[in-house]
Amino acid sequence: MAVNRYILTADVTIPAGTASTVVAGEPATGGAAGFGNASTTGGPLWGTRIPKGTSIMLDPAGPVYAQIGAGNLRAFIDGQDTVGHAGLHN
């Protein structure tokens, strides 16, 4: 899994339970052997709204990236996106 950092260019809502179904022993869904069942999802338990401008880390081959859509993401640019409005960066 290669994780990249992105900035959302639009408000995005991810519907509940859409990310992936947990499969026991399958690393891509996060399921350990004996964990969950077919009705358990790797997605959020309720719809999740992520506002424009949010920094997010995603696997570009993963289901959440596909759910958000490449058109709603741009690459994170160090020095430009680390402006510290929330007091988290210098």
PDB file of N, CA and C in Angstrom:
ATOM      1  N   MET A   1       0.845  -1.161   0.000  1.00  0.00           N
ATOM      2  CA  MET A   1       0.000   0.000   0.000  1.00  0.00           C
ATOM      3  C   MET A   1       0.899   1.235   0.000  1.00  0.00           C
ATOM      4  N   ALA A   2       0.682   2.125  -0.938  1.00  0.00           N
ATOM      5  CA  ALA A   2       1.384   3.403  -0.998  1.00  0.00           C
ATOM      6  C   ALA A   2       0.386   4.492  -0.633  1.00  0.00           C
ATOM      7  N   VAL A   3       0.662   5.208   0.439  1.00  0.00           N
ATOM      8  CA  VAL A   3      -0.253   6.244   0.906  1.00  0.00           C
ATOM      9  C   VAL A   3       0.291   7.606   0.490  1.00  0.00           C
ATOM     10  N   ASN A   4      -0.553   8.416  -0.114  1.00  0.00           N
ATOM     11  CA  ASN A   4      -0.184   9.764  -0.536  1.00  0.00           C
ATOM     12  C   ASN A   4      -1.040  10.783   0.197  1.00  0.00           C
ATOM     13  N   ARG A   5      -0.545  12.001   0.288  1.00  0.00           N
ATOM     14  CA  ARG A   5      -1.274  13.068   0.966  1.00  0.00           C
ATOM     15  C   ARG A   5      -1.913  13.975  -0.085  1.00  0.00           C
ATOM     16  N   TYR A   6      -3.193  14.285   0.119  1.00  0.00           N
ATOM     17  CA  TYR A   6      -3.965  15.089  -0.823  1.00  0.00           C
ATOM     18  C   TYR A   6      -4.685  16.210  -0.089  1.00  0.00           C
ATOM     19  N   ILE A   7      -5.153  17.189  -0.872  1.00  0.00           N
ATOM     20  CA  ILE A   7      -6.022  18.257  -0.389  1.00  0.00           C
ATOM     21  C   ILE A   7      -7.329  18.135  -1.159  1.00  0.00           C
ATOM     22  N   LEU A   8      -8.451  18.173  -0.455  1.00  0.00           N
ATOM     23  CA  LEU A   8      -9.742  18.119  -1.130  1.00  0.00           C
ATOM     24  C   LEU A   8     -10.029  19.460  -1.807  1.00  0.00           C
ATOM     25  N   THR A   9     -10.485  19.404  -3.052  1.00  0.00           N
ATOM     26  CA  THR A   9     -10.803  20.620  -3.801  1.00  0.00           C
ATOM     27  C   THR A   9     -12.299  20.918  -3.803  1.00  0.00           C
ATOM     28  N   ALA A  10     -13.074  20.060  -3.160  1.00  0.00           N
ATOM     29  CA  ALA A  10     -14.529  20.245  -3.062  1.00  0.00           C
ATOM     30  C   ALA A  10     -15.023  19.534  -1.806  1.00  0.00           C
ATOM     31  N   ASP A  11     -16.184  19.949  -1.293  1.00  0.00           N
ATOM     32  CA  ASP A  11     -16.805  19.215  -0.189  1.00  0.00           C
ATOM     33  C   ASP A  11     -17.186  17.829  -0.694  1.00  0.00           C
ATOM     34  N   VAL A  12     -16.904  16.804   0.102  1.00  0.00           N
ATOM     35  CA  VAL A  12     -17.178  15.418  -0.296  1.00  0.00           C
ATOM     36  C   VAL A  12     -17.953  14.732   0.818  1.00  0.00           C
ATOM     37  N   THR A  13     -18.953  13.947   0.452  1.00  0.00           N
ATOM     38  CA  THR A  13     -19.675  13.120   1.413  1.00  0.00           C
ATOM     39  C   THR A  13     -19.491  11.665   1.026  1.00  0.00           C
ATOM     40  N   ILE A  14     -18.982  10.875   1.970  1.00  0.00           N
ATOM     41  CA  ILE A  14     -18.807   9.442   1.759  1.00  0.00           C
ATOM     42  C   ILE A  14     -19.981   8.752   2.435  1.00  0.00           C
ATOM     43  N   PRO A  15     -20.837   8.049   1.670  1.00  0.00           N
ATOM     44  CA  PRO A  15     -21.985   7.372   2.264  1.00  0.00           C
ATOM     45  C   PRO A  15     -21.556   6.277   3.256  1.00  0.00           C
ATOM     46  N   ALA A  16     -22.430   5.965   4.165  1.00  0.00           N
ATOM     47  CA  ALA A  16     -22.137   4.952   5.183  1.00  0.00           C
ATOM     48  C   ALA A  16     -21.844   3.597   4.563  1.00  0.00           C
ATOM     49  N   GLY A  17     -20.801   2.947   5.079  1.00  0.00           N
ATOM     50  CA  GLY A  17     -20.492   1.571   4.711  1.00  0.00           C
ATOM     51  C   GLY A  17     -20.115   1.328   3.270  1.00  0.00           C
ATOM     52  N   THR A  18     -19.610   2.317   2.556  1.00  0.00           N
ATOM     53  CA  THR A  18     -19.317   2.114   1.143  1.00  0.00           C
ATOM     54  C   THR A  18     -17.868   1.766   0.849  1.00  0.00           C
ATOM     55  N   ALA A  19     -16.999   1.884   1.824  1.00  0.00           N
ATOM     56  CA  ALA A  19     -15.579   1.706   1.529  1.00  0.00           C
ATOM     57  C   ALA A  19     -15.229   0.276   1.126  1.00  0.00           C
ATOM     58  N   SER A  20     -15.508  -0.695   1.948  1.00  0.00           N
ATOM     59  CA  SER A  20     -15.203  -2.077   1.594  1.00  0.00           C
ATOM     60  C   SER A  20     -15.779  -3.030   2.632  1.00  0.00           C
ATOM     61  N   THR A  21     -16.008  -4.260   2.223  1.00  0.00           N
ATOM     62  CA  THR A  21     -16.455  -5.295   3.146  1.00  0.00           C
ATOM     63  C   THR A  21     -15.232  -5.947   3.753  1.00  0.00           C
ATOM     64  N   VAL A  22     -15.240  -6.109   5.056  1.00  0.00           N
ATOM     65  CA  VAL A  22     -14.120  -6.747   5.743  1.00  0.00           C
ATOM     66  C   VAL A  22     -14.070  -8.220   5.376  1.00  0.00           C
ATOM     67  N   VAL A  23     -12.886  -8.683   4.984  1.00  0.00           N
ATOM     68  CA  VAL A  23     -12.673 -10.090   4.655  1.00  0.00           C
ATOM     69  C   VAL A  23     -11.629 -10.624   5.627  1.00  0.00           C
ATOM     70  N   ALA A  24     -11.966 -11.669   6.365  1.00  0.00           N
ATOM     71  CA  ALA A  24     -11.046 -12.232   7.357  1.00  0.00           C
ATOM     72  C   ALA A  24      -9.727 -12.604   6.714  1.00  0.00           C
ATOM     73  N   GLY A  25      -8.640 -12.077   7.269  1.00  0.00           N
ATOM     74  CA  GLY A  25      -7.304 -12.399   6.792  1.00  0.00           C
ATOM     75  C   GLY A  25      -6.865 -11.592   5.578  1.00  0.00           C
ATOM     76  N   GLU A  26      -7.689 -10.676   5.091  1.00  0.00           N
ATOM     77  CA  GLU A  26      -7.344  -9.878   3.911  1.00  0.00           C
ATOM     78  C   GLU A  26      -6.805  -8.525   4.369  1.00  0.00           C
ATOM     79  N   PRO A  27      -5.509  -8.254   4.200  1.00  0.00           N
ATOM     80  CA  PRO A  27      -4.928  -7.008   4.693  1.00  0.00           C
ATOM     81  C   PRO A  27      -5.543  -5.744   4.084  1.00  0.00           C
ATOM     82  N   ALA A  28      -5.992  -5.794   2.855  1.00  0.00           N
ATOM     83  CA  ALA A  28      -6.510  -4.598   2.199  1.00  0.00           C
ATOM     84  C   ALA A  28      -7.787  -4.070   2.846  1.00  0.00           C
ATOM     85  N   THR A  29      -8.529  -4.914   3.548  1.00  0.00           N
ATOM     86  CA  THR A  29      -9.757  -4.460   4.193  1.00  0.00           C
ATOM     87  C   THR A  29      -9.600  -4.315   5.703  1.00  0.00           C
ATOM     88  N   GLY A  30      -8.446  -4.654   6.229  1.00  0.00           N
ATOM     89  CA  GLY A  30      -8.201  -4.483   7.650  1.00  0.00           C
ATOM     90  C   GLY A  30      -8.757  -5.580   8.518  1.00  0.00           C
ATOM     91  N   GLY A  31      -9.252  -6.642   7.929  1.00  0.00           N
ATOM     92  CA  GLY A  31      -9.843  -7.720   8.707  1.00  0.00           C
ATOM     93  C   GLY A  31      -8.811  -8.746   9.150  1.00  0.00           C
ATOM     94  N   ALA A  32      -8.722  -8.943  10.453  1.00  0.00           N
ATOM     95  CA  ALA A  32      -7.873 -10.019  10.959  1.00  0.00           C
ATOM     96  C   ALA A  32      -8.689 -11.298  10.959  1.00  0.00           C
ATOM     97  N   ALA A  33      -8.038 -12.433  10.915  1.00  0.00           N
ATOM     98  CA  ALA A  33      -8.750 -13.708  10.923  1.00  0.00           C
ATOM     99  C   ALA A  33      -9.685 -13.763  12.125  1.00  0.00           C
ATOM    100  N   GLY A  34     -10.945 -14.108  11.881  1.00  0.00           N
ATOM    101  CA  GLY A  34     -11.929 -14.204  12.951  1.00  0.00           C
ATOM    102  C   GLY A  34     -12.579 -12.879  13.303  1.00  0.00           C
ATOM    103  N   PHE A  35     -12.286 -11.814  12.531  1.00  0.00           N
ATOM    104  CA  PHE A  35     -12.812 -10.487  12.831  1.00  0.00           C
ATOM    105  C   PHE A  35     -14.029 -10.187  11.958  1.00  0.00           C
ATOM    106  N   GLY A  36     -15.125  -9.779  12.559  1.00  0.00           N
ATOM    107  CA  GLY A  36     -16.297  -9.329  11.818  1.00  0.00           C
ATOM    108  C   GLY A  36     -16.998 -10.422  11.033  1.00  0.00           C
ATOM    109  N   ASN A  37     -17.839 -10.004  10.098  1.00  0.00           N
ATOM    110  CA  ASN A  37     -18.542 -10.922   9.217  1.00  0.00           C
ATOM    111  C   ASN A  37     -18.848 -10.187   7.916  1.00  0.00           C
ATOM    112  N   ALA A  38     -19.565 -10.807   7.015  1.00  0.00           N
ATOM    113  CA  ALA A  38     -19.823 -10.205   5.706  1.00  0.00           C
ATOM    114  C   ALA A  38     -20.631  -8.919   5.786  1.00  0.00           C
ATOM    115  N   SER A  39     -21.384  -8.727   6.869  1.00  0.00           N
ATOM    116  CA  SER A  39     -22.187  -7.505   6.973  1.00  0.00           C
ATOM    117  C   SER A  39     -21.394  -6.341   7.574  1.00  0.00           C
ATOM    118  N   THR A  40     -20.173  -6.595   8.026  1.00  0.00           N
ATOM    119  CA  THR A  40     -19.328  -5.541   8.590  1.00  0.00           C
ATOM    120  C   THR A  40     -18.577  -4.861   7.456  1.00  0.00           C
ATOM    121  N   THR A  41     -18.591  -3.538   7.428  1.00  0.00           N
ATOM    122  CA  THR A  41     -17.895  -2.834   6.360  1.00  0.00           C
ATOM    123  C   THR A  41     -16.684  -2.099   6.880  1.00  0.00           C
ATOM    124  N   GLY A  42     -15.768  -1.828   5.985  1.00  0.00           N
ATOM    125  CA  GLY A  42     -14.595  -1.042   6.335  1.00  0.00           C
ATOM    126  C   GLY A  42     -14.871   0.442   6.227  1.00  0.00           C
ATOM    127  N   GLY A  43     -16.055   0.819   5.775  1.00  0.00           N
ATOM    128  CA  GLY A  43     -16.411   2.230   5.618  1.00  0.00           C
ATOM    129  C   GLY A  43     -16.929   2.820   6.911  1.00  0.00           C
ATOM    130  N   PRO A  44     -17.271   4.104   6.883  1.00  0.00           N
ATOM    131  CA  PRO A  44     -17.792   4.744   8.087  1.00  0.00           C
ATOM    132  C   PRO A  44     -19.163   4.171   8.466  1.00  0.00           C
ATOM    133  N   LEU A  45     -19.501   4.248   9.742  1.00  0.00           N
ATOM    134  CA  LEU A  45     -20.787   3.733  10.211  1.00  0.00           C
ATOM    135  C   LEU A  45     -21.938   4.641   9.804  1.00  0.00           C
ATOM    136  N   TRP A  46     -21.652   5.907   9.515  1.00  0.00           N
ATOM    137  CA  TRP A  46     -22.653   6.850   9.038  1.00  0.00           C
ATOM    138  C   TRP A  46     -21.982   7.719   7.972  1.00  0.00           C
ATOM    139  N   GLY A  47     -22.776   8.413   7.207  1.00  0.00           N
ATOM    140  CA  GLY A  47     -22.214   9.270   6.160  1.00  0.00           C
ATOM    141  C   GLY A  47     -21.231  10.274   6.735  1.00  0.00           C
ATOM    142  N   THR A  48     -20.116  10.459   6.061  1.00  0.00           N
ATOM    143  CA  THR A  48     -19.071  11.345   6.545  1.00  0.00           C
ATOM    144  C   THR A  48     -18.859  12.472   5.545  1.00  0.00           C
ATOM    145  N   ARG A  49     -18.983  13.711   6.011  1.00  0.00           N
ATOM    146  CA  ARG A  49     -18.737  14.868   5.150  1.00  0.00           C
ATOM    147  C   ARG A  49     -17.346  15.393   5.448  1.00  0.00           C
ATOM    148  N   ILE A  50     -16.538  15.562   4.395  1.00  0.00           N
ATOM    149  CA  ILE A  50     -15.191  16.103   4.535  1.00  0.00           C
ATOM    150  C   ILE A  50     -15.167  17.429   3.775  1.00  0.00           C
ATOM    151  N   PRO A  51     -14.889  18.547   4.459  1.00  0.00           N
ATOM    152  CA  PRO A  51     -14.949  19.856   3.803  1.00  0.00           C
ATOM    153  C   PRO A  51     -13.776  20.139   2.867  1.00  0.00           C
ATOM    154  N   LYS A  52     -14.022  21.005   1.910  1.00  0.00           N
ATOM    155  CA  LYS A  52     -13.004  21.464   0.965  1.00  0.00           C
ATOM    156  C   LYS A  52     -11.807  22.022   1.721  1.00  0.00           C
ATOM    157  N   GLY A  53     -10.597  21.715   1.230  1.00  0.00           N
ATOM    158  CA  GLY A  53      -9.373  22.216   1.848  1.00  0.00           C
ATOM    159  C   GLY A  53      -8.782  21.296   2.897  1.00  0.00           C
ATOM    160  N   THR A  54      -9.462  20.199   3.216  1.00  0.00           N
ATOM    161  CA  THR A  54      -8.976  19.260   4.219  1.00  0.00           C
ATOM    162  C   THR A  54      -7.808  18.444   3.670  1.00  0.00           C
ATOM    163  N   SER A  55      -6.777  18.281   4.474  1.00  0.00           N
ATOM    164  CA  SER A  55      -5.651  17.420   4.123  1.00  0.00           C
ATOM    165  C   SER A  55      -6.035  15.985   4.487  1.00  0.00           C
ATOM    166  N   ILE A  56      -5.842  15.064   3.562  1.00  0.00           N
ATOM    167  CA  ILE A  56      -6.243  13.679   3.775  1.00  0.00           C
ATOM    168  C   ILE A  56      -5.189  12.748   3.193  1.00  0.00           C
ATOM    169  N   MET A  57      -4.934  11.627   3.857  1.00  0.00           N
ATOM    170  CA  MET A  57      -3.975  10.640   3.366  1.00  0.00           C
ATOM    171  C   MET A  57      -4.745   9.432   2.859  1.00  0.00           C
ATOM    172  N   LEU A  58      -4.477   9.040   1.609  1.00  0.00           N
ATOM    173  CA  LEU A  58      -5.207   7.952   0.970  1.00  0.00           C
ATOM    174  C   LEU A  58      -4.279   7.062   0.168  1.00  0.00           C
ATOM    175  N   ASP A  59      -4.673   5.814   0.040  1.00  0.00           N
ATOM    176  CA  ASP A  59      -4.042   4.884  -0.890  1.00  0.00           C
ATOM    177  C   ASP A  59      -4.742   5.089  -2.231  1.00  0.00           C
ATOM    178  N   PRO A  60      -4.024   5.524  -3.287  1.00  0.00           N
ATOM    179  CA  PRO A  60      -4.683   5.785  -4.561  1.00  0.00           C
ATOM    180  C   PRO A  60      -5.291   4.545  -5.216  1.00  0.00           C
ATOM    181  N   ALA A  61      -4.926   3.372  -4.738  1.00  0.00           N
ATOM    182  CA  ALA A  61      -5.527   2.140  -5.254  1.00  0.00           C
ATOM    183  C   ALA A  61      -6.675   1.669  -4.361  1.00  0.00           C
ATOM    184  N   GLY A  62      -6.967   2.428  -3.299  1.00  0.00           N
ATOM    185  CA  GLY A  62      -7.967   2.004  -2.326  1.00  0.00           C
ATOM    186  C   GLY A  62      -9.381   2.442  -2.657  1.00  0.00           C
ATOM    187  N   PRO A  63     -10.349   1.866  -1.951  1.00  0.00           N
ATOM    188  CA  PRO A  63     -11.760   2.151  -2.209  1.00  0.00           C
ATOM    189  C   PRO A  63     -12.196   3.557  -1.819  1.00  0.00           C
ATOM    190  N   VAL A  64     -11.596   4.158  -0.795  1.00  0.00           N
ATOM    191  CA  VAL A  64     -12.004   5.503  -0.386  1.00  0.00           C
ATOM    192  C   VAL A  64     -11.555   6.522  -1.442  1.00  0.00           C
ATOM    193  N   TYR A  65     -10.377   6.319  -2.029  1.00  0.00           N
ATOM    194  CA  TYR A  65      -9.901   7.188  -3.111  1.00  0.00           C
ATOM    195  C   TYR A  65     -10.889   7.152  -4.272  1.00  0.00           C
ATOM    196  N   ALA A  66     -11.338   5.958  -4.620  1.00  0.00           N
ATOM    197  CA  ALA A  66     -12.306   5.815  -5.709  1.00  0.00           C
ATOM    198  C   ALA A  66     -13.631   6.473  -5.350  1.00  0.00           C
ATOM    199  N   GLN A  67     -14.028   6.372  -4.085  1.00  0.00           N
ATOM    200  CA  GLN A  67     -15.287   6.966  -3.624  1.00  0.00           C
ATOM    201  C   GLN A  67     -15.234   8.496  -3.689  1.00  0.00           C
ATOM    202  N   ILE A  68     -14.101   9.090  -3.312  1.00  0.00           N
ATOM    203  CA  ILE A  68     -13.943  10.547  -3.349  1.00  0.00           C
ATOM    204  C   ILE A  68     -13.790  11.027  -4.786  1.00  0.00           C
ATOM    205  N   GLY A  69     -13.020  10.304  -5.570  1.00  0.00           N
ATOM    206  CA  GLY A  69     -12.808  10.669  -6.970  1.00  0.00           C
ATOM    207  C   GLY A  69     -11.589  11.550  -7.160  1.00  0.00           C
ATOM    208  N   ALA A  70     -10.764  11.221  -8.139  1.00  0.00           N
ATOM    209  CA  ALA A  70      -9.529  11.956  -8.394  1.00  0.00           C
ATOM    210  C   ALA A  70      -9.782  13.423  -8.728  1.00  0.00           C
ATOM    211  N   GLY A  71     -10.929  13.733  -9.302  1.00  0.00           N
ATOM    212  CA  GLY A  71     -11.257  15.113  -9.644  1.00  0.00           C
ATOM    213  C   GLY A  71     -11.490  16.007  -8.439  1.00  0.00           C
ATOM    214  N   ASN A  72     -11.678  15.419  -7.271  1.00  0.00           N
ATOM    215  CA  ASN A  72     -11.896  16.185  -6.042  1.00  0.00           C
ATOM    216  C   ASN A  72     -10.639  16.279  -5.187  1.00  0.00           C
ATOM    217  N   LEU A  73      -9.500  15.826  -5.722  1.00  0.00           N
ATOM    218  CA  LEU A  73      -8.252  15.802  -4.968  1.00  0.00           C
ATOM    219  C   LEU A  73      -7.139  16.485  -5.750  1.00  0.00           C
ATOM    220  N   ARG A  74      -6.206  17.089  -5.012  1.00  0.00           N
ATOM    221  CA  ARG A  74      -4.964  17.552  -5.619  1.00  0.00           C
ATOM    222  C   ARG A  74      -3.835  17.163  -4.681  1.00  0.00           C
ATOM    223  N   ALA A  75      -2.641  17.079  -5.218  1.00  0.00           N
ATOM    224  CA  ALA A  75      -1.491  16.687  -4.410  1.00  0.00           C
ATOM    225  C   ALA A  75      -1.201  17.730  -3.331  1.00  0.00           C
ATOM    226  N   PHE A  76      -0.828  17.262  -2.155  1.00  0.00           N
ATOM    227  CA  PHE A  76      -0.414  18.125  -1.051  1.00  0.00           C
ATOM    228  C   PHE A  76       0.934  18.737  -1.416  1.00  0.00           C
ATOM    229  N   ILE A  77       1.085  20.049  -1.244  1.00  0.00           N
ATOM    230  CA  ILE A  77       2.342  20.730  -1.558  1.00  0.00           C
ATOM    231  C   ILE A  77       2.925  21.274  -0.261  1.00  0.00           C
ATOM    232  N   ASP A  78       4.056  20.695   0.160  1.00  0.00           N
ATOM    233  CA  ASP A  78       4.697  21.129   1.399  1.00  0.00           C
ATOM    234  C   ASP A  78       5.159  22.576   1.244  1.00  0.00           C
ATOM    235  N   GLY A  79       4.919  23.386   2.241  1.00  0.00           N
ATOM    236  CA  GLY A  79       5.265  24.795   2.191  1.00  0.00           C
ATOM    237  C   GLY A  79       4.087  25.654   1.766  1.00  0.00           C
ATOM    238  N   GLN A  80       3.230  25.118   0.925  1.00  0.00           N
ATOM    239  CA  GLN A  80       2.019  25.840   0.520  1.00  0.00           C
ATOM    240  C   GLN A  80       0.839  25.427   1.388  1.00  0.00           C
ATOM    241  N   ASP A  81       0.725  24.125   1.660  1.00  0.00           N
ATOM    242  CA  ASP A  81      -0.415  23.616   2.428  1.00  0.00           C
ATOM    243  C   ASP A  81      -0.141  23.494   3.914  1.00  0.00           C
ATOM    244  N   THR A  82       1.077  23.775   4.356  1.00  0.00           N
ATOM    245  CA  THR A  82       1.415  23.724   5.766  1.00  0.00           C
ATOM    246  C   THR A  82       1.422  25.130   6.361  1.00  0.00           C
ATOM    247  N   VAL A  83       0.318  25.849   6.161  1.00  0.00           N
ATOM    248  CA  VAL A  83       0.260  27.243   6.576  1.00  0.00           C
ATOM    249  C   VAL A  83      -0.087  27.433   8.046  1.00  0.00           C
ATOM    250  N   GLY A  84      -0.598  26.426   8.696  1.00  0.00           N
ATOM    251  CA  GLY A  84      -0.820  26.488  10.137  1.00  0.00           C
ATOM    252  C   GLY A  84      -2.003  27.288  10.619  1.00  0.00           C
ATOM    253  N   HIS A  85      -3.096  27.332   9.870  1.00  0.00           N
ATOM    254  CA  HIS A  85      -4.276  28.058  10.338  1.00  0.00           C
ATOM    255  C   HIS A  85      -4.832  27.481  11.625  1.00  0.00           C
ATOM    256  N   ALA A  86      -4.651  26.183  11.833  1.00  0.00           N
ATOM    257  CA  ALA A  86      -5.156  25.543  13.046  1.00  0.00           C
ATOM    258  C   ALA A  86      -4.093  25.471  14.131  1.00  0.00           C
ATOM    259  N   GLY A  87      -2.945  26.056  13.899  1.00  0.00           N
ATOM    260  CA  GLY A  87      -1.870  26.024  14.891  1.00  0.00           C
ATOM    261  C   GLY A  87      -1.184  24.675  14.973  1.00  0.00           C
ATOM    262  N   LEU A  88      -1.304  23.859  13.904  1.00  0.00           N
ATOM    263  CA  LEU A  88      -0.695  22.529  13.917  1.00  0.00           C
ATOM    264  C   LEU A  88       0.659  22.497  13.231  1.00  0.00           C
ATOM    265  N   HIS A  89       0.969  23.497  12.424  1.00  0.00           N
ATOM    266  CA  HIS A  89       2.232  23.557  11.674  1.00  0.00           C
ATOM    267  C   HIS A  89       2.848  24.938  11.825  1.00  0.00           C
ATOM    268  N   ASN A  90       4.125  25.033  11.574  1.00  0.00           N
ATOM    269  CA  ASN A  90       4.810  26.337  11.534  1.00  0.00           C
ATOM    270  C   ASN A  90       4.953  26.778  10.101  1.00  0.00           C
TER     271      ASN A  90
END
